[in-house]
């Protein structure tokens, strides 16, 4: 599961590499939670151009009768994402990059849960494999939402939690964002744990438990 993450750093350099011409004004975020807006890169289906936009975290399928279903769809399991009715349409042609530079996970320790912060050792920006949807498309103000795909843990994560978000390699971004590519087998191969050698995890304070706390202290290591 991935239920909290950060996007602290400016991603101007990555934006240039992806050919993004316009960026929304984005403030540093230290504790992004479900139902909040998250920065995503996708291919606009109308213009066929890449864009960075903010989507509500918690996917609402286009066929949903009630948008509250999004509260249960913050993650999609990589092993079944191509078959699940809630995700299979988006998996074919509405894939996105969810921009991040770290994420939190809680380790069960007796009767308590200890939050950990997970990031790359060089603290670089990266992208989760995401999907997006548009609900009530024909209305003036459709709801646009997203979900983050998860997979089995790597060696850094396995002692903390039994799942981790799919982190894509930069070389796979272009294919992931291309809606004309719809071969399920091709994309299933990308939904794997990221190699652990470049990653690290450390315990942080219980501040992160509340999404109201969104400040640098959330990522500070504790002894």
N, C-alpha and C. Protein backbone atom coordinates (compact mmCIF):
# COMPACT_ATOMS: atom_id res chain seq x y z
N UNK A 1 0.84 -1.19 0.00
CA UNK A 1 0.00 0.00 0.00
C UNK A 1 0.88 1.24 0.00
N UNK A 2 0.42 2.28 -0.63
CA UNK A 2 1.07 3.58 -0.56
C UNK A 2 0.00 4.58 -0.18
N UNK A 3 0.09 5.13 1.05
CA UNK A 3 -0.95 6.02 1.52
C UNK A 3 -0.50 7.42 1.86
N UNK A 4 0.81 7.67 1.82
CA UNK A 4 1.34 9.02 2.05
C UNK A 4 2.65 9.16 1.28
N UNK A 5 2.91 10.33 0.75
CA UNK A 5 4.20 10.55 0.10
C UNK A 5 4.55 12.03 0.11
N UNK A 6 5.73 12.34 -0.41
CA UNK A 6 6.22 13.72 -0.43
C UNK A 6 6.58 14.13 -1.86
N UNK A 7 6.53 15.42 -2.07
CA UNK A 7 7.06 16.03 -3.29
C UNK A 7 7.61 17.39 -2.88
N UNK A 8 8.81 17.34 -2.33
CA UNK A 8 9.40 18.54 -1.73
C UNK A 8 10.14 19.39 -2.75
N UNK A 9 10.72 18.73 -3.73
CA UNK A 9 11.68 19.39 -4.61
C UNK A 9 11.04 19.96 -5.88
N UNK A 10 11.69 20.97 -6.43
CA UNK A 10 11.30 21.52 -7.72
C UNK A 10 11.64 20.51 -8.81
N UNK A 11 10.74 20.31 -9.76
CA UNK A 11 11.01 19.32 -10.81
C UNK A 11 11.15 19.96 -12.18
N UNK A 12 11.69 21.19 -12.20
CA UNK A 12 11.87 21.91 -13.46
C UNK A 12 12.74 21.11 -14.43
N UNK A 13 13.82 20.51 -13.92
CA UNK A 13 14.72 19.76 -14.80
C UNK A 13 14.00 18.58 -15.43
N UNK A 14 13.25 17.83 -14.61
CA UNK A 14 12.50 16.70 -15.14
C UNK A 14 11.44 17.18 -16.13
N UNK A 15 10.82 18.30 -15.84
CA UNK A 15 9.81 18.85 -16.74
C UNK A 15 10.40 19.14 -18.11
N UNK A 16 11.61 19.68 -18.11
CA UNK A 16 12.27 19.96 -19.39
C UNK A 16 12.57 18.67 -20.14
N UNK A 17 13.02 17.65 -19.42
CA UNK A 17 13.31 16.36 -20.06
C UNK A 17 12.06 15.74 -20.66
N UNK A 18 10.91 15.98 -20.05
CA UNK A 18 9.66 15.42 -20.52
C UNK A 18 8.97 16.30 -21.55
N UNK A 19 9.55 17.45 -21.84
CA UNK A 19 8.98 18.34 -22.85
C UNK A 19 7.74 19.08 -22.38
N UNK A 20 7.65 19.32 -21.07
CA UNK A 20 6.49 20.04 -20.53
C UNK A 20 6.72 21.54 -20.67
N UNK A 21 5.78 22.22 -21.26
CA UNK A 21 5.93 23.66 -21.51
C UNK A 21 5.31 24.51 -20.41
N UNK A 22 4.28 24.01 -19.77
CA UNK A 22 3.57 24.76 -18.73
C UNK A 22 3.49 23.91 -17.47
N UNK A 23 3.82 24.51 -16.34
CA UNK A 23 3.74 23.81 -15.06
C UNK A 23 2.78 24.54 -14.13
N UNK A 24 1.94 23.81 -13.41
CA UNK A 24 1.08 24.47 -12.43
C UNK A 24 1.92 24.96 -11.26
N UNK A 25 1.48 25.98 -10.54
CA UNK A 25 2.23 26.42 -9.35
C UNK A 25 2.12 25.36 -8.26
N UNK A 26 3.24 24.81 -7.86
CA UNK A 26 3.24 23.72 -6.89
C UNK A 26 4.11 24.09 -5.69
N UNK A 27 3.56 23.98 -4.51
CA UNK A 27 4.31 24.22 -3.28
C UNK A 27 4.92 22.92 -2.80
N UNK A 28 6.05 22.98 -2.06
CA UNK A 28 6.62 21.76 -1.48
C UNK A 28 5.59 21.06 -0.58
N UNK A 29 5.53 19.75 -0.69
CA UNK A 29 4.59 18.95 0.10
C UNK A 29 5.36 17.88 0.87
N UNK A 30 5.07 17.77 2.16
CA UNK A 30 5.79 16.85 3.03
C UNK A 30 4.91 15.71 3.55
N UNK A 31 3.63 15.74 3.23
CA UNK A 31 2.74 14.70 3.76
C UNK A 31 1.46 14.66 2.92
N UNK A 32 1.59 14.22 1.68
CA UNK A 32 0.45 14.15 0.77
C UNK A 32 -0.40 12.95 1.13
N UNK A 33 -1.71 13.16 1.24
CA UNK A 33 -2.63 12.12 1.69
C UNK A 33 -3.73 11.89 0.66
N UNK A 34 -4.39 10.72 0.71
CA UNK A 34 -5.52 10.45 -0.18
C UNK A 34 -6.59 11.53 -0.12
N UNK A 35 -7.24 11.75 -1.25
CA UNK A 35 -8.28 12.75 -1.48
C UNK A 35 -7.71 14.13 -1.75
N UNK A 36 -6.39 14.30 -1.57
CA UNK A 36 -5.76 15.57 -1.89
C UNK A 36 -5.34 15.60 -3.36
N UNK A 37 -4.99 16.78 -3.85
CA UNK A 37 -4.51 16.92 -5.22
C UNK A 37 -3.03 16.55 -5.29
N UNK A 38 -2.68 15.78 -6.32
CA UNK A 38 -1.29 15.36 -6.51
C UNK A 38 -0.84 15.75 -7.91
N UNK A 39 0.44 16.06 -8.05
CA UNK A 39 1.00 16.47 -9.34
C UNK A 39 1.25 15.24 -10.20
N UNK A 40 0.68 15.23 -11.39
CA UNK A 40 0.80 14.10 -12.31
C UNK A 40 1.18 14.60 -13.70
N UNK A 41 1.92 13.77 -14.42
CA UNK A 41 2.20 14.01 -15.83
C UNK A 41 1.44 12.96 -16.62
N UNK A 42 0.74 13.41 -17.65
CA UNK A 42 -0.04 12.51 -18.49
C UNK A 42 -0.03 13.03 -19.92
N UNK A 43 -0.54 12.22 -20.83
CA UNK A 43 -0.78 12.67 -22.20
C UNK A 43 -2.23 13.10 -22.32
N UNK A 44 -2.46 14.34 -22.71
CA UNK A 44 -3.81 14.83 -22.91
C UNK A 44 -4.42 14.13 -24.11
N UNK A 45 -5.55 13.46 -23.91
CA UNK A 45 -6.14 12.65 -24.98
C UNK A 45 -6.68 13.50 -26.12
N UNK A 46 -6.99 14.75 -25.85
CA UNK A 46 -7.51 15.62 -26.91
C UNK A 46 -6.37 16.24 -27.73
N UNK A 47 -5.39 16.83 -27.05
CA UNK A 47 -4.30 17.50 -27.76
C UNK A 47 -3.15 16.56 -28.10
N UNK A 48 -3.12 15.39 -27.44
CA UNK A 48 -2.04 14.41 -27.60
C UNK A 48 -0.69 14.96 -27.15
N UNK A 49 -0.72 15.98 -26.31
CA UNK A 49 0.50 16.57 -25.77
C UNK A 49 0.64 16.19 -24.29
N UNK A 50 1.89 16.06 -23.86
CA UNK A 50 2.12 15.82 -22.43
C UNK A 50 1.80 17.07 -21.63
N UNK A 51 1.27 16.86 -20.44
CA UNK A 51 0.96 17.98 -19.57
C UNK A 51 1.15 17.57 -18.12
N UNK A 52 1.43 18.56 -17.30
CA UNK A 52 1.46 18.35 -15.86
C UNK A 52 0.21 18.98 -15.28
N UNK A 53 -0.52 18.21 -14.51
CA UNK A 53 -1.76 18.70 -13.92
C UNK A 53 -1.93 18.10 -12.54
N UNK A 54 -2.84 18.64 -11.77
CA UNK A 54 -3.13 18.10 -10.45
C UNK A 54 -4.42 17.29 -10.50
N UNK A 55 -4.36 16.07 -10.00
CA UNK A 55 -5.49 15.15 -9.98
C UNK A 55 -5.79 14.76 -8.54
N UNK A 56 -7.05 14.52 -8.25
CA UNK A 56 -7.44 14.08 -6.90
C UNK A 56 -7.02 12.63 -6.71
N UNK A 57 -6.36 12.36 -5.59
CA UNK A 57 -5.85 11.01 -5.32
C UNK A 57 -6.97 10.13 -4.79
N UNK A 58 -7.30 9.10 -5.58
CA UNK A 58 -8.40 8.18 -5.28
C UNK A 58 -9.23 8.03 -6.53
N UNK A 59 -8.97 7.00 -7.32
CA UNK A 59 -9.54 6.90 -8.67
C UNK A 59 -11.04 6.63 -8.65
N UNK A 60 -11.77 7.43 -9.42
CA UNK A 60 -13.21 7.24 -9.61
C UNK A 60 -13.43 6.80 -11.06
N UNK A 61 -13.78 5.53 -11.30
CA UNK A 61 -14.00 5.07 -12.68
C UNK A 61 -15.09 5.88 -13.38
N UNK A 62 -15.00 5.97 -14.68
CA UNK A 62 -15.97 6.77 -15.44
C UNK A 62 -17.39 6.25 -15.28
N UNK A 63 -17.54 4.94 -14.97
CA UNK A 63 -18.87 4.35 -14.85
C UNK A 63 -19.44 4.41 -13.43
N UNK A 64 -18.66 4.94 -12.49
CA UNK A 64 -19.10 4.93 -11.09
C UNK A 64 -20.36 5.77 -10.89
N UNK A 65 -21.24 5.30 -10.02
CA UNK A 65 -22.45 6.05 -9.68
C UNK A 65 -22.19 7.08 -8.59
N UNK A 66 -21.19 6.80 -7.77
CA UNK A 66 -20.91 7.67 -6.62
C UNK A 66 -19.40 7.90 -6.53
N UNK A 67 -18.94 9.14 -6.49
CA UNK A 67 -17.50 9.39 -6.45
C UNK A 67 -16.82 8.94 -5.17
N UNK A 68 -17.59 8.58 -4.15
CA UNK A 68 -16.97 8.14 -2.90
C UNK A 68 -16.19 6.84 -3.07
N UNK A 69 -16.41 6.13 -4.19
CA UNK A 69 -15.65 4.90 -4.45
C UNK A 69 -14.15 5.20 -4.51
N UNK A 70 -13.81 6.44 -4.85
CA UNK A 70 -12.41 6.81 -4.93
C UNK A 70 -11.66 6.67 -3.62
N UNK A 71 -12.37 6.76 -2.50
CA UNK A 71 -11.72 6.60 -1.19
C UNK A 71 -11.11 5.22 -1.02
N UNK A 72 -11.64 4.23 -1.75
CA UNK A 72 -11.15 2.86 -1.65
C UNK A 72 -10.15 2.51 -2.74
N UNK A 73 -9.95 3.43 -3.69
CA UNK A 73 -9.13 3.12 -4.86
C UNK A 73 -7.92 4.04 -4.96
N UNK A 74 -7.23 4.22 -3.83
CA UNK A 74 -6.01 5.03 -3.86
C UNK A 74 -4.84 4.24 -4.43
N UNK A 75 -4.94 2.91 -4.38
CA UNK A 75 -3.91 2.02 -4.93
C UNK A 75 -4.54 0.98 -5.84
N UNK A 76 -3.74 0.49 -6.78
CA UNK A 76 -4.14 -0.61 -7.66
C UNK A 76 -3.04 -1.66 -7.63
N UNK A 77 -3.38 -2.89 -7.35
CA UNK A 77 -2.37 -3.96 -7.30
C UNK A 77 -1.88 -4.26 -8.72
N UNK A 78 -0.56 -4.22 -8.88
CA UNK A 78 0.01 -4.46 -10.20
C UNK A 78 -0.31 -5.83 -10.76
N UNK A 79 -0.49 -6.81 -9.87
CA UNK A 79 -0.74 -8.17 -10.33
C UNK A 79 -2.11 -8.32 -10.99
N UNK A 80 -3.06 -7.44 -10.67
CA UNK A 80 -4.43 -7.60 -11.17
C UNK A 80 -4.97 -6.35 -11.87
N UNK A 81 -4.15 -5.32 -12.01
CA UNK A 81 -4.64 -4.04 -12.53
C UNK A 81 -5.21 -4.15 -13.94
N UNK A 82 -4.67 -5.06 -14.75
CA UNK A 82 -5.14 -5.18 -16.14
C UNK A 82 -6.51 -5.83 -16.24
N UNK A 83 -6.95 -6.55 -15.18
CA UNK A 83 -8.23 -7.25 -15.24
C UNK A 83 -9.33 -6.59 -14.42
N UNK A 84 -8.99 -5.86 -13.39
CA UNK A 84 -10.00 -5.29 -12.50
C UNK A 84 -10.86 -4.26 -13.25
N UNK A 85 -12.19 -4.36 -13.15
CA UNK A 85 -13.06 -3.41 -13.86
C UNK A 85 -12.76 -1.95 -13.55
N UNK A 86 -12.35 -1.66 -12.33
CA UNK A 86 -12.11 -0.27 -11.95
C UNK A 86 -10.89 0.33 -12.65
N UNK A 87 -9.96 -0.54 -13.09
CA UNK A 87 -8.68 -0.05 -13.58
C UNK A 87 -8.36 -0.40 -15.03
N UNK A 88 -8.99 -1.41 -15.59
CA UNK A 88 -8.50 -1.95 -16.87
C UNK A 88 -8.59 -0.95 -18.02
N UNK A 89 -9.61 -0.10 -18.04
CA UNK A 89 -9.70 0.90 -19.10
C UNK A 89 -8.55 1.90 -18.99
N UNK A 90 -8.33 2.41 -17.80
CA UNK A 90 -7.26 3.37 -17.60
C UNK A 90 -5.89 2.74 -17.86
N UNK A 91 -5.73 1.46 -17.51
CA UNK A 91 -4.45 0.80 -17.70
C UNK A 91 -4.09 0.73 -19.18
N UNK A 92 -5.09 0.66 -20.03
CA UNK A 92 -4.83 0.57 -21.47
C UNK A 92 -4.36 1.89 -22.07
N UNK A 93 -4.98 3.00 -21.66
CA UNK A 93 -4.61 4.24 -22.34
C UNK A 93 -4.67 5.51 -21.49
N UNK A 94 -4.82 5.38 -20.19
CA UNK A 94 -4.83 6.56 -19.33
C UNK A 94 -3.85 6.36 -18.18
N UNK A 95 -2.61 6.16 -18.56
CA UNK A 95 -1.54 5.99 -17.57
C UNK A 95 -0.90 7.36 -17.29
N UNK A 96 -0.38 7.51 -16.11
CA UNK A 96 0.25 8.78 -15.75
C UNK A 96 1.44 8.54 -14.83
N UNK A 97 2.23 9.58 -14.66
CA UNK A 97 3.33 9.59 -13.71
C UNK A 97 2.91 10.43 -12.51
N UNK A 98 2.99 9.86 -11.33
CA UNK A 98 2.71 10.60 -10.11
C UNK A 98 4.05 11.03 -9.52
N UNK A 99 4.29 12.33 -9.47
CA UNK A 99 5.61 12.85 -9.10
C UNK A 99 5.81 12.82 -7.59
N UNK A 100 6.99 12.35 -7.18
CA UNK A 100 7.29 12.21 -5.75
C UNK A 100 8.79 12.25 -5.54
N UNK A 101 9.21 12.40 -4.29
CA UNK A 101 10.62 12.22 -3.96
C UNK A 101 10.80 11.39 -2.69
N UNK A 102 9.71 10.79 -2.23
CA UNK A 102 9.77 9.88 -1.10
C UNK A 102 8.37 9.47 -0.70
N UNK A 103 8.28 8.42 0.11
CA UNK A 103 6.96 7.99 0.59
C UNK A 103 7.09 7.41 2.00
N UNK A 104 5.97 7.33 2.68
CA UNK A 104 5.92 6.81 4.04
C UNK A 104 5.26 5.44 4.06
N UNK A 105 5.72 4.62 4.99
CA UNK A 105 5.03 3.37 5.26
C UNK A 105 5.19 3.07 6.74
N UNK A 106 4.20 2.36 7.29
CA UNK A 106 4.17 2.09 8.72
C UNK A 106 4.52 0.62 8.99
N UNK A 107 5.46 0.42 9.92
CA UNK A 107 5.88 -0.92 10.32
C UNK A 107 5.19 -1.28 11.64
N UNK A 108 4.53 -2.43 11.63
CA UNK A 108 3.87 -2.92 12.84
C UNK A 108 4.92 -3.34 13.86
N UNK A 109 4.86 -2.79 15.05
CA UNK A 109 5.82 -3.11 16.11
C UNK A 109 5.03 -3.34 17.39
N UNK A 110 4.62 -4.61 17.60
CA UNK A 110 3.77 -4.92 18.73
C UNK A 110 2.41 -4.27 18.55
N UNK A 111 2.03 -3.45 19.52
CA UNK A 111 0.73 -2.76 19.44
C UNK A 111 0.83 -1.39 18.79
N UNK A 112 2.00 -1.02 18.35
CA UNK A 112 2.18 0.30 17.74
C UNK A 112 2.65 0.16 16.30
N UNK A 113 2.52 1.25 15.56
CA UNK A 113 3.01 1.32 14.19
C UNK A 113 4.02 2.45 14.10
N UNK A 114 5.21 2.11 13.61
CA UNK A 114 6.27 3.10 13.47
C UNK A 114 6.36 3.57 12.02
N UNK A 115 6.18 4.87 11.76
CA UNK A 115 6.30 5.34 10.38
C UNK A 115 7.76 5.39 9.92
N UNK A 116 7.97 5.01 8.67
CA UNK A 116 9.28 5.10 8.02
C UNK A 116 9.15 5.97 6.78
N UNK A 117 10.24 6.67 6.48
CA UNK A 117 10.31 7.45 5.25
C UNK A 117 11.26 6.73 4.29
N UNK A 118 10.82 6.55 3.06
CA UNK A 118 11.58 5.80 2.06
C UNK A 118 11.89 6.74 0.90
N UNK A 119 13.14 6.74 0.47
CA UNK A 119 13.57 7.64 -0.60
C UNK A 119 14.77 7.05 -1.32
N UNK A 120 15.21 7.73 -2.38
CA UNK A 120 16.47 7.37 -3.01
C UNK A 120 17.62 7.98 -2.21
N UNK A 121 18.74 7.30 -2.18
CA UNK A 121 19.88 7.77 -1.40
C UNK A 121 20.35 9.14 -1.87
N UNK A 122 20.23 9.41 -3.17
CA UNK A 122 20.63 10.72 -3.68
C UNK A 122 19.49 11.74 -3.61
N UNK A 123 18.36 11.33 -3.03
CA UNK A 123 17.20 12.20 -2.78
C UNK A 123 16.59 12.77 -4.06
N UNK A 124 16.73 12.06 -5.15
CA UNK A 124 16.22 12.57 -6.42
C UNK A 124 14.70 12.42 -6.54
N UNK A 125 14.15 13.22 -7.41
CA UNK A 125 12.74 13.11 -7.76
C UNK A 125 12.51 11.84 -8.58
N UNK A 126 11.32 11.24 -8.44
CA UNK A 126 11.00 10.05 -9.23
C UNK A 126 9.51 10.06 -9.54
N UNK A 127 9.04 9.00 -10.15
CA UNK A 127 7.62 8.94 -10.51
C UNK A 127 7.06 7.56 -10.19
N UNK A 128 5.91 7.55 -9.51
CA UNK A 128 5.14 6.33 -9.34
C UNK A 128 4.38 6.04 -10.63
N UNK A 129 4.15 4.76 -10.89
CA UNK A 129 3.26 4.37 -11.99
C UNK A 129 1.83 4.63 -11.55
N UNK A 130 1.14 5.50 -12.27
CA UNK A 130 -0.23 5.84 -11.92
C UNK A 130 -1.20 5.67 -13.07
N UNK A 131 -2.48 5.71 -12.74
CA UNK A 131 -3.56 5.70 -13.72
C UNK A 131 -4.47 6.87 -13.41
N UNK A 132 -5.12 7.41 -14.44
CA UNK A 132 -6.06 8.51 -14.19
C UNK A 132 -7.39 8.24 -14.87
N UNK A 133 -8.42 8.90 -14.37
CA UNK A 133 -9.77 8.76 -14.91
C UNK A 133 -10.49 10.10 -14.88
N UNK A 134 -11.52 10.20 -15.70
CA UNK A 134 -12.37 11.38 -15.75
C UNK A 134 -13.81 10.93 -15.51
N UNK A 135 -14.41 11.47 -14.45
CA UNK A 135 -15.78 11.10 -14.07
C UNK A 135 -16.74 12.21 -14.48
N UNK A 136 -17.91 11.80 -15.04
CA UNK A 136 -18.88 12.76 -15.57
C UNK A 136 -18.24 13.67 -16.62
N UNK A 137 -17.66 13.02 -17.60
CA UNK A 137 -16.87 13.71 -18.62
C UNK A 137 -17.67 14.76 -19.38
N UNK A 138 -18.95 14.51 -19.58
CA UNK A 138 -19.76 15.41 -20.40
C UNK A 138 -20.25 16.65 -19.65
N UNK A 139 -19.96 16.72 -18.36
CA UNK A 139 -20.39 17.88 -17.60
C UNK A 139 -19.32 18.97 -17.67
N UNK A 140 -19.70 20.16 -17.26
CA UNK A 140 -18.81 21.31 -17.39
C UNK A 140 -17.55 21.18 -16.54
N UNK A 141 -17.67 20.53 -15.40
CA UNK A 141 -16.54 20.42 -14.48
C UNK A 141 -16.34 18.97 -14.06
N UNK A 142 -15.81 18.12 -14.95
CA UNK A 142 -15.63 16.71 -14.62
C UNK A 142 -14.59 16.52 -13.51
N UNK A 143 -14.75 15.44 -12.77
CA UNK A 143 -13.81 15.11 -11.70
C UNK A 143 -12.69 14.25 -12.28
N UNK A 144 -11.45 14.69 -12.13
CA UNK A 144 -10.30 13.93 -12.61
C UNK A 144 -9.52 13.40 -11.42
N UNK A 145 -9.27 12.10 -11.44
CA UNK A 145 -8.68 11.42 -10.29
C UNK A 145 -7.56 10.49 -10.73
N UNK A 146 -6.82 9.96 -9.75
CA UNK A 146 -5.72 9.05 -10.08
C UNK A 146 -5.56 8.01 -8.98
N UNK A 147 -4.78 6.99 -9.30
CA UNK A 147 -4.40 5.96 -8.35
C UNK A 147 -2.94 5.61 -8.57
N UNK A 148 -2.31 5.01 -7.56
CA UNK A 148 -0.91 4.59 -7.62
C UNK A 148 -0.85 3.07 -7.62
N UNK A 149 -0.10 2.51 -8.55
CA UNK A 149 0.02 1.06 -8.66
C UNK A 149 1.06 0.55 -7.66
N UNK A 150 0.77 -0.58 -7.03
CA UNK A 150 1.68 -1.17 -6.06
C UNK A 150 2.15 -2.55 -6.51
N UNK A 151 3.23 -3.00 -5.87
CA UNK A 151 3.82 -4.30 -6.19
C UNK A 151 4.39 -4.91 -4.91
N UNK A 152 5.07 -6.04 -5.05
CA UNK A 152 5.72 -6.67 -3.90
C UNK A 152 6.88 -5.79 -3.41
N UNK A 153 7.30 -5.95 -2.16
CA UNK A 153 8.37 -5.10 -1.63
C UNK A 153 9.74 -5.53 -2.12
N UNK A 154 10.67 -4.57 -2.17
CA UNK A 154 12.07 -4.93 -2.41
C UNK A 154 12.75 -5.16 -1.06
N UNK A 155 14.07 -5.34 -1.07
CA UNK A 155 14.78 -5.68 0.17
C UNK A 155 14.75 -4.55 1.19
N UNK A 156 14.65 -3.32 0.74
CA UNK A 156 14.55 -2.19 1.67
C UNK A 156 13.20 -2.19 2.37
N UNK A 157 12.17 -2.55 1.64
CA UNK A 157 10.80 -2.44 2.14
C UNK A 157 10.28 -3.68 2.86
N UNK A 158 10.83 -4.85 2.59
CA UNK A 158 10.18 -6.08 3.03
C UNK A 158 10.09 -6.22 4.54
N UNK A 159 10.99 -5.60 5.28
CA UNK A 159 10.90 -5.66 6.75
C UNK A 159 9.92 -4.62 7.31
N UNK A 160 9.45 -3.72 6.44
CA UNK A 160 8.54 -2.66 6.88
C UNK A 160 7.10 -2.97 6.50
N UNK A 161 6.88 -3.40 5.25
CA UNK A 161 5.52 -3.61 4.75
C UNK A 161 5.56 -4.62 3.61
N UNK A 162 4.43 -5.28 3.36
CA UNK A 162 4.38 -6.32 2.34
C UNK A 162 4.08 -5.79 0.94
N UNK A 163 3.92 -4.47 0.80
CA UNK A 163 3.70 -3.85 -0.51
C UNK A 163 4.54 -2.59 -0.62
N UNK A 164 4.78 -2.16 -1.86
CA UNK A 164 5.41 -0.87 -2.11
C UNK A 164 4.89 -0.31 -3.42
N UNK A 165 4.96 1.01 -3.62
CA UNK A 165 4.52 1.58 -4.89
C UNK A 165 5.47 1.23 -6.02
N UNK A 166 4.94 1.12 -7.22
CA UNK A 166 5.77 0.89 -8.40
C UNK A 166 6.46 2.20 -8.76
N UNK A 167 7.78 2.19 -8.77
CA UNK A 167 8.59 3.34 -9.19
C UNK A 167 9.15 3.02 -10.56
N UNK A 168 8.87 3.86 -11.53
CA UNK A 168 9.28 3.60 -12.90
C UNK A 168 10.69 4.12 -13.16
N UNK A 169 11.42 3.41 -14.02
CA UNK A 169 12.69 3.92 -14.53
C UNK A 169 12.42 5.05 -15.51
N UNK A 170 13.32 6.04 -15.53
CA UNK A 170 13.13 7.17 -16.44
C UNK A 170 12.98 6.70 -17.88
N UNK A 171 13.73 5.68 -18.28
CA UNK A 171 13.69 5.21 -19.66
C UNK A 171 12.33 4.62 -20.04
N UNK A 172 11.49 4.33 -19.06
CA UNK A 172 10.17 3.77 -19.34
C UNK A 172 9.07 4.83 -19.34
N UNK A 173 9.40 6.06 -19.00
CA UNK A 173 8.38 7.11 -18.92
C UNK A 173 7.64 7.30 -20.24
N UNK A 174 8.40 7.37 -21.33
CA UNK A 174 7.78 7.67 -22.63
C UNK A 174 6.74 6.62 -23.01
N UNK A 175 7.08 5.35 -22.86
CA UNK A 175 6.12 4.29 -23.19
C UNK A 175 4.92 4.33 -22.25
N UNK A 176 5.17 4.56 -20.97
CA UNK A 176 4.08 4.59 -20.00
C UNK A 176 3.08 5.69 -20.33
N UNK A 177 3.56 6.79 -20.87
CA UNK A 177 2.70 7.93 -21.17
C UNK A 177 2.07 7.88 -22.55
N UNK A 178 2.41 6.88 -23.34
CA UNK A 178 1.93 6.80 -24.73
C UNK A 178 0.61 6.04 -24.79
N UNK A 179 -0.53 6.72 -25.00
CA UNK A 179 -1.82 6.01 -25.02
C UNK A 179 -2.01 5.11 -26.22
N UNK A 180 -1.16 5.24 -27.23
CA UNK A 180 -1.29 4.36 -28.40
C UNK A 180 -0.71 2.98 -28.13
N UNK A 181 0.10 2.85 -27.09
CA UNK A 181 0.65 1.56 -26.71
C UNK A 181 -0.29 0.91 -25.71
N UNK A 182 -0.86 -0.23 -26.08
CA UNK A 182 -1.88 -0.86 -25.23
C UNK A 182 -1.61 -2.34 -24.98
N UNK A 183 -0.38 -2.78 -25.20
CA UNK A 183 -0.04 -4.19 -24.97
C UNK A 183 0.10 -4.43 -23.47
N UNK A 184 -0.83 -5.17 -22.91
CA UNK A 184 -0.84 -5.41 -21.47
C UNK A 184 0.46 -6.06 -21.01
N UNK A 185 0.97 -7.01 -21.78
CA UNK A 185 2.17 -7.73 -21.39
C UNK A 185 3.36 -6.78 -21.26
N UNK A 186 3.45 -5.80 -22.16
CA UNK A 186 4.55 -4.85 -22.12
C UNK A 186 4.57 -4.07 -20.81
N UNK A 187 3.41 -3.64 -20.37
CA UNK A 187 3.36 -2.81 -19.18
C UNK A 187 3.37 -3.64 -17.90
N UNK A 188 2.86 -4.85 -17.96
CA UNK A 188 2.96 -5.73 -16.79
C UNK A 188 4.41 -5.93 -16.39
N UNK A 189 5.31 -5.96 -17.39
CA UNK A 189 6.73 -6.17 -17.11
C UNK A 189 7.35 -5.01 -16.34
N UNK A 190 6.73 -3.85 -16.38
CA UNK A 190 7.26 -2.69 -15.67
C UNK A 190 6.81 -2.64 -14.22
N UNK A 191 5.80 -3.43 -13.87
CA UNK A 191 5.19 -3.35 -12.54
C UNK A 191 5.91 -4.27 -11.57
N UNK A 192 7.15 -3.92 -11.29
CA UNK A 192 8.02 -4.75 -10.46
C UNK A 192 8.67 -3.88 -9.38
N UNK A 193 9.19 -4.50 -8.33
CA UNK A 193 9.86 -3.71 -7.29
C UNK A 193 11.09 -3.00 -7.85
N UNK A 194 11.33 -1.78 -7.42
CA UNK A 194 12.52 -1.07 -7.86
C UNK A 194 13.74 -1.69 -7.17
N UNK A 195 14.88 -1.82 -7.87
CA UNK A 195 16.08 -2.39 -7.25
C UNK A 195 16.44 -1.65 -5.96
N UNK A 196 16.74 -2.37 -4.89
CA UNK A 196 16.89 -1.73 -3.58
C UNK A 196 18.20 -0.99 -3.37
N UNK A 197 19.21 -1.24 -4.20
CA UNK A 197 20.54 -0.70 -3.94
C UNK A 197 20.57 0.83 -3.85
N UNK A 198 19.67 1.48 -4.58
CA UNK A 198 19.67 2.94 -4.62
C UNK A 198 18.74 3.58 -3.58
N UNK A 199 18.08 2.75 -2.77
CA UNK A 199 17.06 3.28 -1.87
C UNK A 199 17.44 3.11 -0.41
N UNK A 200 16.79 3.89 0.44
CA UNK A 200 17.01 3.79 1.88
C UNK A 200 15.71 4.12 2.61
N UNK A 201 15.62 3.67 3.86
CA UNK A 201 14.45 3.94 4.69
C UNK A 201 14.91 4.23 6.11
N UNK A 202 14.23 5.15 6.77
CA UNK A 202 14.58 5.46 8.16
C UNK A 202 13.32 5.87 8.92
N UNK A 203 13.30 5.65 10.25
CA UNK A 203 12.11 5.99 11.03
C UNK A 203 11.95 7.50 11.19
N UNK A 204 10.69 7.93 11.20
CA UNK A 204 10.36 9.34 11.42
C UNK A 204 9.32 9.44 12.53
N UNK A 205 9.01 10.64 12.93
CA UNK A 205 8.11 10.84 14.07
C UNK A 205 6.66 10.56 13.71
N UNK A 206 5.84 10.48 14.74
CA UNK A 206 4.41 10.24 14.56
C UNK A 206 3.68 11.46 13.99
N UNK A 207 4.38 12.54 13.76
CA UNK A 207 3.77 13.72 13.14
C UNK A 207 3.06 13.36 11.86
N UNK A 208 3.66 12.46 11.10
CA UNK A 208 3.13 12.13 9.77
C UNK A 208 1.79 11.41 9.85
N UNK A 209 1.43 10.91 11.02
CA UNK A 209 0.16 10.20 11.16
C UNK A 209 -1.03 11.08 10.79
N UNK A 210 -0.92 12.37 11.03
CA UNK A 210 -2.01 13.29 10.72
C UNK A 210 -1.69 14.05 9.43
N UNK A 211 -2.58 13.99 8.44
CA UNK A 211 -2.33 14.74 7.20
C UNK A 211 -2.35 16.24 7.40
N UNK A 212 -2.81 16.70 8.57
CA UNK A 212 -2.76 18.14 8.85
C UNK A 212 -1.32 18.62 9.02
N UNK A 213 -0.43 17.69 9.36
CA UNK A 213 0.98 18.05 9.50
C UNK A 213 1.66 17.89 8.15
N UNK A 214 2.02 19.01 7.57
CA UNK A 214 2.63 19.01 6.23
C UNK A 214 3.80 19.99 6.25
N UNK A 215 4.86 19.57 6.93
CA UNK A 215 6.01 20.46 7.11
C UNK A 215 7.29 19.64 7.15
N UNK A 216 8.46 20.29 7.03
CA UNK A 216 9.72 19.55 6.93
C UNK A 216 9.99 18.59 8.07
N UNK A 217 9.47 18.87 9.25
CA UNK A 217 9.71 17.97 10.39
C UNK A 217 9.19 16.56 10.14
N UNK A 218 8.24 16.41 9.22
CA UNK A 218 7.68 15.08 8.94
C UNK A 218 8.74 14.11 8.42
N UNK A 219 9.73 14.61 7.69
CA UNK A 219 10.73 13.72 7.09
C UNK A 219 12.02 13.66 7.91
N UNK A 220 12.07 14.34 9.05
CA UNK A 220 13.28 14.34 9.86
C UNK A 220 13.48 12.98 10.52
N UNK A 221 14.71 12.42 10.44
CA UNK A 221 14.96 11.12 11.08
C UNK A 221 14.87 11.22 12.60
N UNK A 222 14.48 10.12 13.23
CA UNK A 222 14.51 10.03 14.68
C UNK A 222 15.45 8.91 15.07
N UNK A 223 15.94 8.96 16.28
CA UNK A 223 16.86 7.93 16.77
C UNK A 223 16.08 6.67 17.16
